[in-house]
Amino acid sequence: MRQVLHRPNDGVALGFIVLGVLSRLVPHPWNVTPVAAIALFGGTYLPARWGLVLPLAIVAVSDALIGWHATVPFTWGAFLLTGMIGWWLRPRPSPARIVAGTLAGSVIFFLVSNFGVWLSGGLYAHTPAGLWQCYVAALPFFRSSVAGDLVCSAALFSGFALVTRLRLARVPSR
């Protein structure tokens, strides 16, 4: 049985935003934050717009505090696409599809954000070889991103499944 939170408590959405912002502000391994997992979860279980609103709110607030950077359109866009992957999960969320969605989000973030680094920075030549160098240099960050996204998605989705099961277990049978 698929569970969708059609009318989430405002506290749930605010809690996700606070969690995401704090995760970007406190010391953490590079690219290991729950932002992509929150976008994926929001797109899957909350009204569809939350898959877009949650990651945008998180990065808007945290980037305003951390500082703006040239790759903002690319990182924000990658998180929006991850929220849209949640829309794909929505009809039939299963562990395999959640893992696939999480990995797809990680790959999208890697490709889009590093394309932005290559395009907007002066670190790499604006040639195919320069783009390739940018992607190769970012591979260690990709590993961290994949690991963090998998752990955070597992925590959010399994936590929700557990709470849902516990809540259903308390409902008296008729």
Foldseek 3Di string as FASTA:
>chain_A
DAAADADDDVVVLVVLLVQLQVQLVDDDPFQQGQLLLQLLCCCAHYPNCSNLVSSVSNCVVNCVVVDDDQLVVQQSVLSSVLSVLSVVCNVPPDPVSLLVSLVVSLVSNLLRSLVSCQVPHPPFDPDPVRSVVSSVVCVVSSVNNSVSSVVSNCCVVVVVVVVVVVVVVPDDDD
